[in-house]
Amino acid sequence: METGCTHQIRVHLAHISRPVIGDPVYGTQAISLPRHPAIERWLRAFPRQALHARGLPFEHPETGETMTFSAPLPNDLADLMAHIRQALSV
């Protein structure tokens, strides 16, 4: 099922000048961090959209039961966040 939610998130975040890392349409080109060139390089080089849902609850259409699915943060996003935190703490 395609809902357009991902596109909506991307457009709204770009509109408030908070583009999604790795977004080829609305995102990465707008990133400019002159005080942090290493971070800017990492963000521009990230190979995919940096979107992740830790948990998604919804109501089952037939039973009405609330179903919740969760997923850990992918390693590539965790690594990117670690690099950024380390660069900012120096």
C-alpha atoms as a PDB file:
ATOM      1  CA  MET A   1       0.000   0.000   0.000  1.00  0.00           C
ATOM      2  CA  GLU A   2       1.368   3.411  -0.931  1.00  0.00           C
ATOM      3  CA  THR A   3       0.050   6.324   1.076  1.00  0.00           C
ATOM      4  CA  GLY A   4       2.314   9.188   0.121  1.00  0.00           C
ATOM      5  CA  CYS A   5       3.305   9.635   3.767  1.00  0.00           C
ATOM      6  CA  THR A   6       7.019   9.436   3.007  1.00  0.00           C
ATOM      7  CA  HIS A   7       6.664  12.109   0.328  1.00  0.00           C
ATOM      8  CA  GLN A   8       4.646  14.286   2.685  1.00  0.00           C
ATOM      9  CA  ILE A   9       7.320  14.011   5.389  1.00  0.00           C
ATOM     10  CA  ARG A  10      10.048  14.890   2.888  1.00  0.00           C
ATOM     11  CA  VAL A  11       8.188  17.914   1.506  1.00  0.00           C
ATOM     12  CA  HIS A  12       7.265  19.291   4.921  1.00  0.00           C
ATOM     13  CA  LEU A  13      10.769  18.904   6.313  1.00  0.00           C
ATOM     14  CA  ALA A  14      12.281  20.565   3.230  1.00  0.00           C
ATOM     15  CA  HIS A  15       9.771  23.414   3.577  1.00  0.00           C
ATOM     16  CA  ILE A  16      10.976  24.170   7.113  1.00  0.00           C
ATOM     17  CA  SER A  17      14.624  23.930   5.994  1.00  0.00           C
ATOM     18  CA  ARG A  18      15.167  20.536   7.646  1.00  0.00           C
ATOM     19  CA  PRO A  19      15.607  18.285   4.595  1.00  0.00           C
ATOM     20  CA  VAL A  20      15.864  14.522   4.925  1.00  0.00           C
ATOM     21  CA  ILE A  21      19.448  13.331   4.595  1.00  0.00           C
ATOM     22  CA  GLY A  22      19.885  11.363   1.380  1.00  0.00           C
ATOM     23  CA  ASP A  23      16.719  12.676  -0.267  1.00  0.00           C
ATOM     24  CA  PRO A  24      17.653  13.104  -3.948  1.00  0.00           C
ATOM     25  CA  VAL A  25      14.725  15.441  -4.676  1.00  0.00           C
ATOM     26  CA  TYR A  26      14.276  17.690  -1.636  1.00  0.00           C
ATOM     27  CA  GLY A  27      17.234  17.024   0.577  1.00  0.00           C
ATOM     28  CA  THR A  28      20.927  16.617   0.353  1.00  0.00           C
ATOM     29  CA  GLN A  29      21.645  19.390  -2.151  1.00  0.00           C
ATOM     30  CA  ALA A  30      20.389  21.957   0.372  1.00  0.00           C
ATOM     31  CA  ILE A  31      22.852  20.925   3.099  1.00  0.00           C
ATOM     32  CA  SER A  32      25.495  23.544   3.821  1.00  0.00           C
ATOM     33  CA  LEU A  33      27.615  23.302   6.955  1.00  0.00           C
ATOM     34  CA  PRO A  34      30.681  25.503   6.360  1.00  0.00           C
ATOM     35  CA  ARG A  35      31.823  25.129   9.991  1.00  0.00           C
ATOM     36  CA  HIS A  36      31.605  21.324   9.742  1.00  0.00           C
ATOM     37  CA  PRO A  37      32.923  20.198   6.330  1.00  0.00           C
ATOM     38  CA  ALA A  38      33.416  16.579   7.428  1.00  0.00           C
ATOM     39  CA  ILE A  39      29.801  16.307   8.583  1.00  0.00           C
ATOM     40  CA  GLU A  40      28.612  17.919   5.346  1.00  0.00           C
ATOM     41  CA  ARG A  41      30.562  15.310   3.350  1.00  0.00           C
ATOM     42  CA  TRP A  42      29.069  12.437   5.377  1.00  0.00           C
ATOM     43  CA  LEU A  43      25.549  13.794   4.935  1.00  0.00           C
ATOM     44  CA  ARG A  44      25.969  14.328   1.197  1.00  0.00           C
ATOM     45  CA  ALA A  45      27.485  10.839   0.764  1.00  0.00           C
ATOM     46  CA  PHE A  46      24.745   8.997   2.684  1.00  0.00           C
ATOM     47  CA  PRO A  47      23.394   6.536   0.074  1.00  0.00           C
ATOM     48  CA  ARG A  48      19.682   6.577   0.928  1.00  0.00           C
ATOM     49  CA  GLN A  49      16.935   8.562   2.608  1.00  0.00           C
ATOM     50  CA  ALA A  50      17.644   8.704   6.313  1.00  0.00           C
ATOM     51  CA  LEU A  51      14.106   7.887   7.390  1.00  0.00           C
ATOM     52  CA  HIS A  52      13.338   5.278  10.010  1.00  0.00           C
ATOM     53  CA  ALA A  53      10.265   4.430  12.044  1.00  0.00           C
ATOM     54  CA  ARG A  54      11.148   2.869  15.363  1.00  0.00           C
ATOM     55  CA  GLY A  55       7.565   1.762  15.822  1.00  0.00           C
ATOM     56  CA  LEU A  56       4.376   1.767  13.778  1.00  0.00           C
ATOM     57  CA  PRO A  57       1.046   1.110  15.472  1.00  0.00           C
ATOM     58  CA  PHE A  58      -2.179   0.740  13.509  1.00  0.00           C
ATOM     59  CA  GLU A  59      -5.611  -0.740  13.891  1.00  0.00           C
ATOM     60  CA  HIS A  60      -6.159  -4.056  12.114  1.00  0.00           C
ATOM     61  CA  PRO A  61      -8.857  -3.461   9.479  1.00  0.00           C
ATOM     62  CA  GLU A  62     -10.786  -6.657  10.255  1.00  0.00           C
ATOM     63  CA  THR A  63     -10.328  -7.254  13.989  1.00  0.00           C
ATOM     64  CA  GLY A  64      -9.893  -3.680  15.228  1.00  0.00           C
ATOM     65  CA  GLU A  65      -6.942  -4.911  17.294  1.00  0.00           C
ATOM     66  CA  THR A  66      -4.064  -2.474  17.680  1.00  0.00           C
ATOM     67  CA  MET A  67      -1.025  -3.945  15.970  1.00  0.00           C
ATOM     68  CA  THR A  68       2.421  -2.534  16.694  1.00  0.00           C
ATOM     69  CA  PHE A  69       5.547  -3.280  14.731  1.00  0.00           C
ATOM     70  CA  SER A  70       8.999  -2.106  15.720  1.00  0.00           C
ATOM     71  CA  ALA A  71      12.466  -2.158  14.233  1.00  0.00           C
ATOM     72  CA  PRO A  72      15.872  -1.187  15.608  1.00  0.00           C
ATOM     73  CA  LEU A  73      17.812   1.669  14.079  1.00  0.00           C
ATOM     74  CA  PRO A  74      19.694   0.358  11.021  1.00  0.00           C
ATOM     75  CA  ASN A  75      23.471   0.169  11.347  1.00  0.00           C
ATOM     76  CA  ASP A  76      24.112   2.752   8.614  1.00  0.00           C
ATOM     77  CA  LEU A  77      21.993   5.358  10.421  1.00  0.00           C
ATOM     78  CA  ALA A  78      23.517   4.500  13.794  1.00  0.00           C
ATOM     79  CA  ASP A  79      27.011   4.869  12.300  1.00  0.00           C
ATOM     80  CA  LEU A  80      26.150   8.216  10.712  1.00  0.00           C
ATOM     81  CA  MET A  81      24.762   9.515  14.002  1.00  0.00           C
ATOM     82  CA  ALA A  82      27.868   8.312  15.872  1.00  0.00           C
ATOM     83  CA  HIS A  83      30.173  10.093  13.402  1.00  0.00           C
ATOM     84  CA  ILE A  84      28.215  13.323  13.752  1.00  0.00           C
ATOM     85  CA  ARG A  85      28.127  13.159  17.560  1.00  0.00           C
ATOM     86  CA  GLN A  86      31.867  12.489  17.667  1.00  0.00           C
ATOM     87  CA  ALA A  87      32.646  15.373  15.287  1.00  0.00           C
ATOM     88  CA  LEU A  88      30.487  17.789  17.285  1.00  0.00           C
ATOM     89  CA  SER A  89      32.004  16.800  20.629  1.00  0.00           C
ATOM     90  CA  VAL A  90      35.575  17.661  19.557  1.00  0.00           C
END
